[in-house]
Protein backbone atom coordinates (compact mmCIF):
# COMPACT_ATOMS: atom_id res chain seq x y z
CA MET A 1 0.00 0.00 0.00
CA VAL A 2 1.39 3.39 -0.94
CA LEU A 3 0.39 6.18 1.41
CA ASP A 4 -1.42 9.02 -0.33
CA ILE A 5 -0.42 11.86 1.97
CA ASP A 6 -1.58 15.42 1.41
CA PHE A 7 1.20 17.20 3.30
CA GLU A 8 -0.47 20.57 2.73
CA ALA A 9 -3.53 19.40 4.69
CA ILE A 10 -1.62 18.44 7.86
CA ASP A 11 -2.92 20.63 10.66
CA LEU A 12 -1.25 20.54 14.07
CA HIS A 13 -2.48 23.94 15.30
CA ASP A 14 -4.22 22.48 18.36
CA ILE A 15 -1.41 20.22 19.55
CA SER A 16 1.97 20.86 21.15
CA VAL A 17 4.88 19.33 19.23
CA LYS A 18 8.41 19.42 20.64
CA VAL A 19 11.28 18.40 18.37
CA GLU A 20 14.41 17.15 20.17
CA ILE A 21 16.19 15.70 17.15
CA ASP A 22 17.54 17.01 13.85
CA LEU A 23 15.08 15.90 11.19
CA ASN A 24 15.29 16.44 7.47
CA HIS A 25 12.28 18.00 5.76
CA LYS A 26 10.69 14.69 4.72
CA GLN A 27 11.15 13.12 8.18
CA ARG A 28 9.43 16.13 9.75
CA GLU A 29 6.56 15.94 7.27
CA LEU A 30 6.10 12.24 7.92
CA ALA A 31 6.31 12.61 11.72
CA ASP A 32 3.77 15.44 11.56
CA TYR A 33 1.55 13.19 9.42
CA VAL A 34 1.70 10.42 12.05
CA VAL A 35 0.73 12.85 14.82
CA SER A 36 -2.02 14.40 12.69
CA GLU A 37 -3.55 10.99 11.92
CA LEU A 38 -3.37 9.93 15.56
CA ARG A 39 -4.96 13.20 16.66
CA HIS A 40 -7.72 12.79 14.07
CA HIS A 41 -8.60 9.27 15.25
CA PHE A 42 -7.88 9.76 18.96
CA PRO A 43 -8.98 13.17 20.31
CA GLU A 44 -7.22 12.59 23.64
CA VAL A 45 -3.84 13.03 21.91
CA CYS A 46 -2.66 16.36 23.33
CA ALA A 47 1.07 16.58 22.60
CA ALA A 48 3.98 14.89 20.88
CA VAL A 49 7.76 14.80 21.18
CA TYR A 50 10.10 13.75 18.37
CA GLU A 51 13.26 12.15 19.77
CA GLN A 52 16.15 9.97 18.67
CA VAL A 53 16.12 6.38 19.88
CA PRO A 54 19.32 6.09 21.97
CA THR A 55 20.29 2.61 20.77
CA TYR A 56 19.28 3.13 17.12
CA SER A 57 20.22 6.57 15.86
CA GLU A 58 18.43 6.07 12.52
CA TYR A 59 15.03 5.71 14.24
CA VAL A 60 12.74 8.61 15.09
CA GLN A 61 10.78 8.05 18.31
CA ILE A 62 7.42 9.82 18.32
CA THR A 63 6.17 9.98 21.89
CA ILE A 64 2.45 10.71 22.00
CA PHE A 65 0.84 12.17 25.09
CA ALA A 66 -2.79 11.04 25.40
CA ARG A 67 -4.56 12.71 28.30
CA GLY A 68 -7.00 10.41 30.07
CA ALA A 69 -6.21 7.31 28.00
CA ASP A 70 -6.47 4.02 29.87
CA GLU A 71 -4.36 0.95 29.07
CA ASP A 72 -6.75 -0.32 26.40
CA ARG A 73 -6.90 3.05 24.65
CA ILE A 74 -3.12 3.41 24.81
CA SER A 75 -2.84 -0.01 23.18
CA GLU A 76 -5.24 1.10 20.40
CA ILE A 77 -3.25 4.29 19.80
CA ARG A 78 0.04 2.37 19.76
CA SER A 79 -1.34 -0.21 17.33
CA PHE A 80 -2.79 2.40 14.98
CA GLY A 81 0.50 4.33 15.08
CA ALA A 82 2.47 1.14 14.35
CA ASP A 83 0.38 0.56 11.22
CA ILE A 84 1.13 4.08 10.00
CA VAL A 85 4.89 3.93 10.64
CA SER A 86 5.05 0.48 9.00
CA ASP A 87 3.58 1.99 5.85
CA ILE A 88 6.07 4.88 6.09
CA LEU A 89 8.97 2.43 6.32
CA VAL A 90 7.80 0.53 3.24
CA ASP A 91 6.89 3.60 1.18
CA TYR A 92 9.60 6.08 2.25
CA GLY A 93 12.32 4.05 3.98
CA TYR A 94 12.24 6.05 7.23
CA MET A 95 12.16 4.12 10.51
CA MET A 96 9.87 5.57 13.17
CA LEU A 97 8.46 4.27 16.43
CA VAL A 98 5.35 5.41 18.28
CA GLY A 99 5.26 5.42 22.06
CA VAL A 100 2.22 6.53 24.05
CA HIS A 101 2.10 8.09 27.49
CA ASN A 102 -0.81 9.34 29.60
CA PRO A 103 0.47 12.58 31.19
CA LEU A 104 -2.04 12.24 34.02
CA VAL A 105 -0.24 9.14 35.26
CA PRO A 106 3.08 9.96 36.99
CA SER A 107 6.11 8.53 35.24
CA ALA A 108 9.81 8.72 35.96
CA PHE A 109 10.54 8.60 32.23
CA TYR A 110 8.26 11.21 30.67
CA GLN A 111 7.15 14.69 31.52
CA GLU A 112 4.54 16.51 29.48
CA PRO A 113 6.20 19.02 27.14
CA ALA A 114 5.76 22.66 28.00
């Protein structure tokens, strides 16, 4: 399946996105597309952070913050995101991972972006 992405239609005006990695233009477009699709299907998505995976520098980690999401909903978001990034890998050759965090649940690993 080839993704038919309208990059001009990507709208992230209502979501906080923090970029902590150097991305080329296409990587940024694709990461924004992932977040946009997740936000469209899961309204609880409230923020995202783009990071480098420490052990695999060629991967882009997209951490999604989903306010109020329970374990089942987080699993749905993660699964939907995995489908999207799998298509991106096949169609564009960029490796991305989607992680999901509920910012209302304390975590030693993630803090909600400002």
